[in-house]
């Protein structure tokens, strides 16, 4: 039996069946009311100045979901120009730039060449003067001098 707000009628005799039907009908209506266990704002947006604000709500599985859109204010007047600031702190060192062959040649001119290609002589000195050993030393010295030149 659906709920009937006119029952029990004024001055009617008490009837447990009518009261039971009315109470059961009210409980059924209460049971149909959704239970809210959580609420969440899903978005807040901005509208152009002068537009009316909007709000909406939806319900899914015990959660209320709110969405709002609010108008932004009118643009204000441009303020006065502030004082000019001084120089800022020194920035970090940037990466090295590209170097041309001409710049490289100019930068290393006057410096020694790499002598890694000159092999050791690999001899021990004779106990007496040896012209061939002395010539080997002189040849190796010439080779080193040539290797160090640019």
Protein backbone atom coordinates (compact mmCIF):
# COMPACT_ATOMS: atom_id res chain seq x y z
CA UNK A 1 0.00 0.00 0.00
CA UNK A 2 1.49 3.43 -0.90
CA UNK A 3 1.78 6.13 1.74
CA UNK A 4 -1.40 8.15 2.17
CA UNK A 5 -0.92 11.37 4.16
CA UNK A 6 -4.71 11.54 4.83
CA UNK A 7 -4.57 8.38 7.01
CA UNK A 8 -5.49 7.93 9.73
CA UNK A 9 -8.46 10.23 9.27
CA UNK A 10 -9.23 12.70 12.07
CA UNK A 11 -11.31 11.19 14.86
CA UNK A 12 -11.10 7.68 13.34
CA UNK A 13 -10.80 4.67 15.65
CA UNK A 14 -7.26 3.39 16.11
CA UNK A 15 -6.44 0.66 13.65
CA UNK A 16 -3.13 -1.18 13.87
CA UNK A 17 -3.40 -2.37 10.24
CA UNK A 18 -3.76 1.21 8.91
CA UNK A 19 -0.88 2.46 11.08
CA UNK A 20 1.33 -0.52 10.08
CA UNK A 21 0.65 0.13 6.37
CA UNK A 22 1.46 3.82 6.78
CA UNK A 23 4.72 3.13 8.68
CA UNK A 24 5.82 0.45 6.19
CA UNK A 25 5.09 2.83 3.31
CA UNK A 26 7.20 5.58 4.97
CA UNK A 27 10.08 3.14 5.54
CA UNK A 28 9.98 2.09 1.88
CA UNK A 29 10.22 5.75 0.86
CA UNK A 30 13.13 6.33 3.24
CA UNK A 31 14.94 3.26 1.85
CA UNK A 32 14.75 4.75 -1.64
CA UNK A 33 16.76 7.81 -0.53
CA UNK A 34 20.36 7.56 -1.78
CA UNK A 35 23.12 7.56 0.82
CA UNK A 36 25.91 10.10 0.31
CA UNK A 37 29.28 8.84 1.58
CA UNK A 38 31.62 11.21 -0.27
CA UNK A 39 31.68 14.55 -2.08
CA UNK A 40 34.21 15.68 -4.68
CA UNK A 41 34.77 18.87 -6.70
CA UNK A 42 35.55 17.66 -10.22
CA UNK A 43 36.32 21.02 -11.81
CA UNK A 44 36.33 24.77 -11.29
CA UNK A 45 36.37 26.80 -14.50
CA UNK A 46 36.53 30.47 -15.42
CA UNK A 47 33.89 32.34 -17.40
CA UNK A 48 34.17 35.71 -19.18
CA UNK A 49 33.43 38.80 -17.06
CA UNK A 50 29.71 39.43 -16.64
CA UNK A 51 28.58 35.83 -17.29
CA UNK A 52 26.56 34.25 -14.48
CA UNK A 53 28.27 31.68 -12.28
CA UNK A 54 27.19 28.07 -12.77
CA UNK A 55 27.21 25.03 -10.52
CA UNK A 56 26.10 21.47 -11.12
CA UNK A 57 26.04 18.30 -9.08
CA UNK A 58 25.74 14.64 -10.02
CA UNK A 59 25.48 11.48 -7.94
CA UNK A 60 27.17 8.13 -8.59
CA UNK A 61 27.62 5.25 -6.15
CA UNK A 62 27.32 7.34 -2.99
CA UNK A 63 29.51 10.23 -4.21
CA UNK A 64 28.35 13.75 -5.08
CA UNK A 65 30.36 15.33 -7.92
CA UNK A 66 30.39 19.16 -8.06
CA UNK A 67 31.35 21.30 -11.05
CA UNK A 68 31.69 25.09 -10.80
CA UNK A 69 32.28 27.88 -13.34
CA UNK A 70 32.95 31.37 -12.01
CA UNK A 71 33.22 34.63 -13.98
CA UNK A 72 36.55 36.40 -13.77
CA UNK A 73 36.64 40.06 -12.87
CA UNK A 74 37.01 42.93 -15.30
CA UNK A 75 40.55 43.76 -16.35
CA UNK A 76 42.00 46.53 -14.24
CA UNK A 77 43.87 49.59 -15.43
CA UNK A 78 47.53 49.27 -16.27
CA UNK A 79 49.64 50.31 -13.32
CA UNK A 80 52.58 52.70 -13.47
CA UNK A 81 55.93 51.43 -14.72
CA UNK A 82 58.17 50.42 -11.86
CA UNK A 83 61.79 51.40 -11.44
CA UNK A 84 64.34 49.68 -13.63
CA UNK A 85 66.25 47.00 -11.82
CA UNK A 86 69.99 46.64 -11.73
CA UNK A 87 72.01 43.84 -13.26
CA UNK A 88 71.17 40.37 -12.07
CA UNK A 89 73.56 37.71 -10.83
CA UNK A 90 76.08 36.12 -13.16
CA UNK A 91 74.58 33.18 -15.03
CA UNK A 92 76.09 29.72 -15.28
CA UNK A 93 78.88 29.08 -17.78
CA UNK A 94 77.43 28.02 -21.10
CA UNK A 95 78.70 25.13 -23.23
CA UNK A 96 81.80 25.74 -25.34
CA UNK A 97 81.18 27.01 -28.83
CA UNK A 98 82.35 25.57 -32.14
CA UNK A 99 86.02 26.20 -33.07
CA UNK A 100 87.22 26.48 -36.66
CA UNK A 101 90.46 24.86 -37.81
CA UNK A 102 91.95 28.33 -38.32
CA UNK A 103 91.09 29.31 -34.72
CA UNK A 104 92.56 26.05 -33.44
CA UNK A 105 95.77 26.49 -35.45
CA UNK A 106 96.14 30.06 -34.16
CA UNK A 107 95.51 28.97 -30.56
CA UNK A 108 98.14 26.19 -30.60
CA UNK A 109 100.74 27.96 -32.71
CA UNK A 110 103.91 28.39 -30.68
CA UNK A 111 103.19 25.35 -28.53
CA UNK A 112 105.00 22.02 -28.75
CA UNK A 113 103.66 19.15 -30.82
CA UNK A 114 102.84 15.76 -29.32
CA UNK A 115 106.02 13.66 -28.84
CA UNK A 116 104.23 10.37 -28.12
CA UNK A 117 105.33 8.95 -31.50
CA UNK A 118 109.06 9.12 -30.62
CA UNK A 119 110.12 5.72 -29.30
CA UNK A 120 112.77 5.35 -26.57
CA UNK A 121 116.34 4.74 -27.71
CA UNK A 122 116.60 1.52 -25.71
CA UNK A 123 120.42 1.45 -25.34
CA UNK A 124 122.82 1.50 -22.46
CA UNK A 125 126.01 3.52 -22.52
CA UNK A 126 129.27 1.79 -23.49
CA UNK A 127 132.07 1.99 -20.96
CA UNK A 128 134.23 3.50 -23.70
CA UNK A 129 133.46 6.08 -26.31
CA UNK A 130 131.51 4.50 -29.21
CA UNK A 131 130.95 6.69 -32.29
CA UNK A 132 128.03 4.55 -33.51
CA UNK A 133 126.28 4.75 -30.14
CA UNK A 134 126.85 8.53 -30.05
CA UNK A 135 125.35 8.78 -33.57
CA UNK A 136 122.27 6.84 -32.39
CA UNK A 137 121.81 9.35 -29.55
CA UNK A 138 122.16 12.29 -31.94
CA UNK A 139 119.68 10.74 -34.41
CA UNK A 140 117.14 10.16 -31.64
CA UNK A 141 117.59 13.77 -30.45
CA UNK A 142 116.96 15.04 -34.00
CA UNK A 143 113.84 12.83 -34.25
CA UNK A 144 112.52 14.29 -30.97
CA UNK A 145 113.21 17.89 -32.04
CA UNK A 146 111.37 17.29 -35.36
CA UNK A 147 108.42 15.69 -33.58
CA UNK A 148 108.02 18.64 -31.21
CA UNK A 149 107.89 21.23 -34.00
CA UNK A 150 104.68 22.44 -35.57
